[in-house]
Amino acid sequence: MTLAKSQQAKSPMSDAPGSTAPPTAGRWQGWLIIGLLVAGMVLAYLVFPRTAEDRRQLLSLLGTSNKGELMVPPRQIQDVSLQYADGRPWQLAEQAGRWRLVLPVAGDCSDGNCAHLLYTARQVHTRLAEKSPRVERLLVNVGPPFSDAFQRRLRDEYPGMKLLRAEPGALAALLAEGAVNPGERLYIMDPAGFVMMAYGREHPGGDMLTDIKRLLKYSREN
């Protein structure tokens, strides 16, 4: 009898060979891992930008290696009414998905800054070589109509440039640069219509070329 009682006293599982601790700690570790994963997903949802404009704003806060002046926030060109020379509306939705070099001018672009930027846009576009079809040049007139002589010059020396018109006040308000005269800034606009970088005569053409090449490299080709 004594031997039987002794064996019963040694029978708890905690003393048996090969026994394990209760699974409570393992369950808590599992829930902790799941909780961390869920928290990471929620944080990514809250922090990661969900729209193209949000991404650009985040880049401007983090800093980029761009050479031009970053437009913060980017300006949406569709907020301005653009027309062809004959009065037909220019609608972004009807255009091919291209990056665009946009030069607002007042009339015949006769001053030195405007002529320099007009030339720079052409040279940058040409030096893109096989990538040039992904880019388009827009000359947006916010002044009096172009003279016949200037239009001939554009056809002869700047083929491929698209000529548009816009209300000067509306375009100045969009770009938030009322103190900047037309012809003093050349802009890069993305395929979605956001004007995102600006360049003046103080920026070498190589700066714009570097920026547009990088944008083309990291953007999807349509």
Protein backbone atom coordinates (compact mmCIF):
# COMPACT_ATOMS: atom_id res chain seq x y z
CA MET A 1 0.00 0.00 0.00
CA THR A 2 2.79 2.32 0.89
CA LEU A 3 4.44 1.69 -2.48
CA ALA A 4 1.18 2.44 -4.37
CA LYS A 5 0.70 5.71 -2.50
CA SER A 6 4.28 6.68 -3.24
CA GLN A 7 3.80 6.08 -6.97
CA GLN A 8 0.56 8.10 -6.96
CA ALA A 9 2.34 11.02 -5.30
CA LYS A 10 4.86 11.14 -8.17
CA SER A 11 2.27 11.03 -10.94
CA PRO A 12 1.68 14.81 -11.73
CA MET A 13 2.52 15.77 -15.34
CA SER A 14 5.03 18.40 -14.26
CA ASP A 15 7.26 15.64 -12.91
CA ALA A 16 6.80 13.21 -15.83
CA PRO A 17 9.68 12.75 -18.27
CA GLY A 18 9.26 14.77 -21.50
CA SER A 19 6.48 16.97 -20.12
CA THR A 20 6.15 20.62 -21.35
CA ALA A 21 5.07 23.88 -19.71
CA PRO A 22 1.48 25.05 -20.18
CA PRO A 23 0.99 26.67 -23.65
CA THR A 24 -0.10 30.05 -22.20
CA ALA A 25 3.26 31.78 -22.90
CA GLY A 26 3.32 30.50 -26.49
CA ARG A 27 -0.15 31.82 -27.14
CA TRP A 28 0.82 35.27 -25.86
CA GLN A 29 3.90 35.31 -28.10
CA GLY A 30 1.73 34.43 -31.11
CA TRP A 31 -0.75 37.20 -30.36
CA LEU A 32 2.11 39.67 -29.84
CA ILE A 33 3.56 38.86 -33.28
CA ILE A 34 0.14 39.23 -34.91
CA GLY A 35 -0.40 42.53 -33.09
CA LEU A 36 2.93 43.90 -34.32
CA LEU A 37 2.13 42.90 -37.90
CA VAL A 38 -1.29 44.56 -37.75
CA ALA A 39 0.19 47.70 -36.18
CA GLY A 40 2.78 47.86 -38.96
CA MET A 41 0.09 47.56 -41.61
CA VAL A 42 -2.01 50.29 -39.99
CA LEU A 43 1.02 52.57 -39.70
CA ALA A 44 1.93 51.98 -43.34
CA TYR A 45 -1.65 52.81 -44.35
CA LEU A 46 -1.58 56.06 -42.37
CA VAL A 47 1.90 57.17 -43.42
CA PHE A 48 2.35 55.88 -46.97
CA PRO A 49 0.91 58.36 -49.48
CA ARG A 50 -2.09 56.99 -51.33
CA THR A 51 -2.28 59.49 -54.20
CA ALA A 52 0.20 60.99 -56.66
CA GLU A 53 -0.10 64.39 -54.99
CA ASP A 54 0.49 62.88 -51.54
CA ARG A 55 3.62 61.15 -52.83
CA ARG A 56 5.01 64.39 -54.20
CA GLN A 57 4.29 66.23 -50.96
CA LEU A 58 6.01 63.49 -48.98
CA LEU A 59 9.04 63.67 -51.28
CA SER A 60 9.22 67.42 -50.76
CA LEU A 61 9.24 66.90 -46.98
CA LEU A 62 11.87 64.16 -47.08
CA GLY A 63 14.03 66.00 -49.58
CA THR A 64 15.00 65.01 -53.12
CA SER A 65 17.98 65.31 -55.40
CA ASN A 66 16.13 67.45 -57.94
CA LYS A 67 17.91 70.39 -59.56
CA GLY A 68 14.83 72.52 -60.24
CA GLU A 69 12.59 74.36 -57.79
CA LEU A 70 10.03 71.91 -56.41
CA MET A 71 6.45 73.19 -56.55
CA VAL A 72 4.86 72.49 -53.16
CA PRO A 73 2.12 71.54 -53.49
CA PRO A 74 2.11 70.60 -57.19
CA ARG A 75 -0.36 72.62 -59.30
CA GLN A 76 -3.02 70.85 -61.37
CA ILE A 77 -3.11 72.29 -64.90
CA GLN A 78 -6.72 71.22 -65.34
CA ASP A 79 -7.66 74.05 -62.96
CA VAL A 80 -6.87 76.44 -65.84
CA SER A 81 -8.74 76.68 -69.14
CA LEU A 82 -6.32 76.11 -72.03
CA GLN A 83 -7.18 76.56 -75.70
CA TYR A 84 -5.56 75.99 -79.04
CA ALA A 85 -4.92 79.06 -81.19
CA ASP A 86 -8.22 78.52 -83.01
CA GLY A 87 -10.19 78.55 -79.74
CA ARG A 88 -10.72 74.80 -79.36
CA PRO A 89 -10.29 73.62 -75.75
CA TRP A 90 -7.17 71.67 -74.85
CA GLN A 91 -8.24 68.82 -72.57
CA LEU A 92 -5.64 66.80 -70.69
CA ALA A 93 -7.84 63.68 -70.80
CA GLU A 94 -7.67 63.73 -74.60
CA GLN A 95 -3.87 63.91 -74.70
CA ALA A 96 -1.28 61.16 -74.70
CA GLY A 97 0.24 60.36 -71.31
CA ARG A 98 3.44 62.39 -71.61
CA TRP A 99 5.66 64.51 -69.41
CA ARG A 100 5.54 68.13 -70.57
CA LEU A 101 7.84 71.14 -70.61
CA VAL A 102 5.56 74.15 -70.17
CA LEU A 103 6.68 77.70 -70.98
CA PRO A 104 4.17 80.52 -70.28
CA VAL A 105 4.94 83.56 -72.46
CA ALA A 106 3.42 86.95 -73.20
CA GLY A 107 3.29 87.49 -76.93
CA ASP A 108 6.32 86.91 -79.10
CA CYS A 109 8.80 85.88 -76.36
CA SER A 110 11.21 88.58 -77.47
CA ASP A 111 13.16 89.25 -74.25
CA GLY A 112 16.38 87.44 -73.43
CA ASN A 113 15.07 85.23 -70.62
CA CYS A 114 12.13 83.96 -72.63
CA ALA A 115 14.21 83.29 -75.74
CA HIS A 116 16.77 81.44 -73.61
CA LEU A 117 14.14 79.17 -72.01
CA LEU A 118 12.49 78.52 -75.37
CA TYR A 119 15.85 77.38 -76.73
CA THR A 120 16.61 75.37 -73.56
CA ALA A 121 13.33 73.46 -73.81
CA ARG A 122 14.12 72.46 -77.37
CA GLN A 123 17.67 71.37 -76.55
CA VAL A 124 16.61 69.33 -73.54
CA HIS A 125 13.91 67.62 -75.59
CA THR A 126 16.38 66.84 -78.37
CA ARG A 127 19.00 65.44 -75.99
CA LEU A 128 16.52 62.97 -74.59
CA ALA A 129 17.10 61.05 -77.83
CA GLU A 130 15.11 57.78 -77.82
CA LYS A 131 13.14 58.97 -74.77
CA SER A 132 11.98 62.18 -76.47
CA PRO A 133 8.59 60.75 -77.58
CA ARG A 134 7.63 60.54 -73.90
CA VAL A 135 7.95 64.34 -73.58
CA GLU A 136 6.04 67.21 -75.16
CA ARG A 137 6.68 70.97 -75.22
CA LEU A 138 3.86 73.46 -74.58
CA LEU A 139 4.17 77.17 -75.30
CA VAL A 140 1.31 78.86 -73.43
CA ASN A 141 0.59 82.42 -74.51
CA VAL A 142 -0.95 84.69 -71.85
CA GLY A 143 -0.45 87.90 -73.82
CA PRO A 144 -1.40 89.29 -77.22
CA PRO A 145 -1.62 86.87 -80.16
CA PHE A 146 1.66 85.72 -81.69
CA SER A 147 2.77 87.69 -84.72
CA ASP A 148 2.96 85.97 -88.09
CA ALA A 149 6.74 86.33 -88.06
CA PHE A 150 7.03 84.62 -84.65
CA GLN A 151 4.74 81.80 -85.72
CA ARG A 152 6.91 81.20 -88.79
CA ARG A 153 9.98 81.17 -86.58
CA LEU A 154 8.36 78.61 -84.29
CA ARG A 155 7.51 76.37 -87.24
CA ASP A 156 11.03 76.65 -88.69
CA GLU A 157 13.17 76.53 -85.53
CA TYR A 158 10.96 74.80 -82.95
CA PRO A 159 9.05 72.03 -84.70
CA GLY A 160 6.90 69.85 -82.50
CA MET A 161 6.11 72.59 -79.98
CA LYS A 162 2.38 72.84 -79.25
CA LEU A 163 0.95 76.38 -79.08
CA LEU A 164 -1.79 77.12 -76.53
CA ARG A 165 -3.51 80.11 -74.94
CA ALA A 166 -4.60 80.76 -71.34
CA GLU A 167 -6.02 83.60 -69.30
CA PRO A 168 -3.00 85.34 -67.74
CA GLY A 169 -4.61 85.88 -64.35
CA ALA A 170 -5.77 82.29 -64.04
CA LEU A 171 -2.36 80.84 -64.90
CA ALA A 172 -0.54 83.23 -62.56
CA ALA A 173 -2.92 82.32 -59.75
CA LEU A 174 -2.39 78.63 -60.40
CA LEU A 175 1.37 78.90 -60.27
CA ALA A 176 1.19 81.29 -57.29
CA GLU A 177 3.91 83.38 -58.90
CA GLY A 178 2.17 86.64 -59.70
CA ALA A 179 5.45 88.54 -59.31
CA VAL A 180 7.16 86.39 -61.95
CA ASN A 181 6.75 87.68 -65.48
CA PRO A 182 5.75 85.28 -68.26
CA GLY A 183 8.81 83.91 -69.98
CA GLU A 184 10.89 83.77 -66.79
CA ARG A 185 10.04 80.23 -65.69
CA LEU A 186 9.95 76.90 -67.52
CA TYR A 187 8.00 74.13 -65.82
CA ILE A 188 7.91 70.33 -65.80
CA MET A 189 4.40 68.83 -65.73
CA ASP A 190 3.72 65.15 -65.14
CA PRO A 191 1.36 63.01 -67.27
CA ALA A 192 -1.44 63.49 -64.72
CA GLY A 193 -1.30 67.28 -65.21
CA PHE A 194 0.58 68.28 -62.06
CA VAL A 195 3.09 71.12 -62.53
CA MET A 196 5.84 69.97 -60.19
CA MET A 197 9.16 71.75 -60.90
CA ALA A 198 10.23 75.17 -62.13
CA TYR A 199 13.42 76.45 -63.78
CA GLY A 200 14.75 79.92 -64.45
CA ARG A 201 17.63 81.20 -66.50
CA GLU A 202 19.88 80.55 -63.50
CA HIS A 203 19.41 76.81 -64.00
CA PRO A 204 21.68 75.29 -66.65
CA GLY A 205 19.94 73.19 -69.25
CA GLY A 206 21.81 70.18 -67.88
CA ASP A 207 19.91 70.54 -64.60
CA MET A 208 16.56 70.14 -66.32
CA LEU A 209 17.88 67.30 -68.46
CA THR A 210 19.06 65.45 -65.34
CA ASP A 211 15.70 65.90 -63.64
CA ILE A 212 13.57 64.84 -66.59
CA LYS A 213 15.75 61.79 -67.24
CA ARG A 214 15.32 60.71 -63.63
CA LEU A 215 11.57 61.25 -63.82
CA LEU A 216 11.34 59.20 -67.00
CA LYS A 217 13.46 56.44 -65.48
CA TYR A 218 11.26 56.01 -62.43
CA SER A 219 7.89 56.54 -64.09
CA ARG A 220 5.85 54.05 -66.07
CA GLU A 221 5.89 54.39 -69.84
CA ASN A 222 2.40 54.69 -71.32
